Structure formats: C-alpha cells, structure tokens
Amino acid sequence: MNPDGMPLHRQEISTTHPRLAYLGIEFQRSFSSNTLRGVHRDARFVAGALKQQLTR
C-alpha cells in the first residue's frame, strides 16, 4: 500500500503480489473505472493480463 492506503499496481496488476489484480479503483484506467458502468472494461484487461502471467 502507498501512504494514502491505495494498493501498489501497474495497470491493475499488483506490483507486490504475483497473480493479484485490483478492480474498481478510482481513475484506474478511465474516469469510470470505479463504477459498474466502467469496471467491465478493466476486468476484461485484467483477465487477459492474468492469463498471460499464468501461461508463462
């Protein structure tokens, strides 16, 4: 966590814990990342990124 209590990540993928991803963080990838309207786009990206990590 950073000093503000937010998780450390790069494009939703944790930089401190392997195979961990975050969703619903404000302004994560877009203005609507923390809403039901926008989190699905972030989830699609995270699913692909985690799949790549698991197949390495």
C-alpha atoms as a PDB file:
ATOM      1  CA  MET A   1       0.000   0.000   0.000  1.00  0.00           C
ATOM      2  CA  ASN A   2       1.117   3.514  -0.655  1.00  0.00           C
ATOM      3  CA  PRO A   3       0.941   6.208   2.069  1.00  0.00           C
ATOM      4  CA  ASP A   4      -2.648   7.010   1.014  1.00  0.00           C
ATOM      5  CA  GLY A   5      -3.719   3.392   1.582  1.00  0.00           C
ATOM      6  CA  MET A   6      -4.031   2.563  -2.112  1.00  0.00           C
ATOM      7  CA  PRO A   7      -2.639  -0.721  -3.462  1.00  0.00           C
ATOM      8  CA  LEU A   8       0.570  -0.638  -5.470  1.00  0.00           C
ATOM      9  CA  HIS A   9      -0.187  -1.685  -9.040  1.00  0.00           C
ATOM     10  CA  ARG A  10       0.627  -1.074 -12.663  1.00  0.00           C
ATOM     11  CA  GLN A  11      -2.441  -1.195 -14.896  1.00  0.00           C
ATOM     12  CA  GLU A  12      -4.446  -3.090 -12.237  1.00  0.00           C
ATOM     13  CA  ILE A  13      -1.801  -5.810 -11.717  1.00  0.00           C
ATOM     14  CA  SER A  14      -0.200  -5.803  -8.265  1.00  0.00           C
ATOM     15  CA  THR A  15       3.474  -4.841  -8.166  1.00  0.00           C
ATOM     16  CA  THR A  16       3.887  -6.502  -4.755  1.00  0.00           C
ATOM     17  CA  HIS A  17       1.939  -9.776  -5.016  1.00  0.00           C
ATOM     18  CA  PRO A  18       2.187 -12.138  -8.015  1.00  0.00           C
ATOM     19  CA  ARG A  19      -1.084 -13.050  -9.749  1.00  0.00           C
ATOM     20  CA  LEU A  20      -3.097 -10.448  -7.841  1.00  0.00           C
ATOM     21  CA  ALA A  21      -5.133  -7.798  -9.638  1.00  0.00           C
ATOM     22  CA  TYR A  22      -7.313  -4.938  -8.477  1.00  0.00           C
ATOM     23  CA  LEU A  23     -10.592  -3.652  -9.878  1.00  0.00           C
ATOM     24  CA  GLY A  24     -12.814  -0.723  -9.010  1.00  0.00           C
ATOM     25  CA  ILE A  25     -10.131   1.794  -8.064  1.00  0.00           C
ATOM     26  CA  GLU A  26     -10.985   5.381  -8.946  1.00  0.00           C
ATOM     27  CA  PHE A  27      -9.354   6.529 -12.224  1.00  0.00           C
ATOM     28  CA  GLN A  28      -7.612   3.171 -12.541  1.00  0.00           C
ATOM     29  CA  ARG A  29      -7.785   3.041 -16.334  1.00  0.00           C
ATOM     30  CA  SER A  30     -10.535   5.559 -17.011  1.00  0.00           C
ATOM     31  CA  PHE A  31     -12.907   8.010 -15.358  1.00  0.00           C
ATOM     32  CA  SER A  32     -15.496   5.242 -14.919  1.00  0.00           C
ATOM     33  CA  SER A  33     -13.163   2.551 -13.507  1.00  0.00           C
ATOM     34  CA  ASN A  34     -14.805   2.644 -10.093  1.00  0.00           C
ATOM     35  CA  THR A  35     -18.356   2.320 -11.423  1.00  0.00           C
ATOM     36  CA  LEU A  36     -20.439  -0.575 -12.696  1.00  0.00           C
ATOM     37  CA  ARG A  37     -20.515   1.264 -15.998  1.00  0.00           C
ATOM     38  CA  GLY A  38     -16.727   1.096 -16.441  1.00  0.00           C
ATOM     39  CA  VAL A  39     -15.313  -1.738 -14.374  1.00  0.00           C
ATOM     40  CA  HIS A  40     -16.148  -4.341 -17.050  1.00  0.00           C
ATOM     41  CA  ARG A  41     -13.553  -2.833 -19.397  1.00  0.00           C
ATOM     42  CA  ASP A  42     -10.923  -3.030 -16.676  1.00  0.00           C
ATOM     43  CA  ALA A  43     -11.957  -6.606 -15.854  1.00  0.00           C
ATOM     44  CA  ARG A  44     -11.525  -7.655 -19.477  1.00  0.00           C
ATOM     45  CA  PHE A  45      -7.997  -6.210 -19.496  1.00  0.00           C
ATOM     46  CA  VAL A  46      -7.115  -7.819 -16.139  1.00  0.00           C
ATOM     47  CA  ALA A  47      -8.376 -11.232 -17.236  1.00  0.00           C
ATOM     48  CA  GLY A  48      -6.111 -11.140 -20.270  1.00  0.00           C
ATOM     49  CA  ALA A  49      -3.098  -9.938 -18.281  1.00  0.00           C
ATOM     50  CA  LEU A  50      -3.555 -12.623 -15.609  1.00  0.00           C
ATOM     51  CA  LYS A  51      -3.971 -15.296 -18.279  1.00  0.00           C
ATOM     52  CA  GLN A  52      -0.623 -14.257 -19.759  1.00  0.00           C
ATOM     53  CA  GLN A  53       1.027 -14.477 -16.326  1.00  0.00           C
ATOM     54  CA  LEU A  54      -0.380 -17.953 -15.726  1.00  0.00           C
ATOM     55  CA  THR A  55       0.742 -19.321 -19.088  1.00  0.00           C
ATOM     56  CA  ARG A  56       4.358 -18.179 -18.683  1.00  0.00           C
END
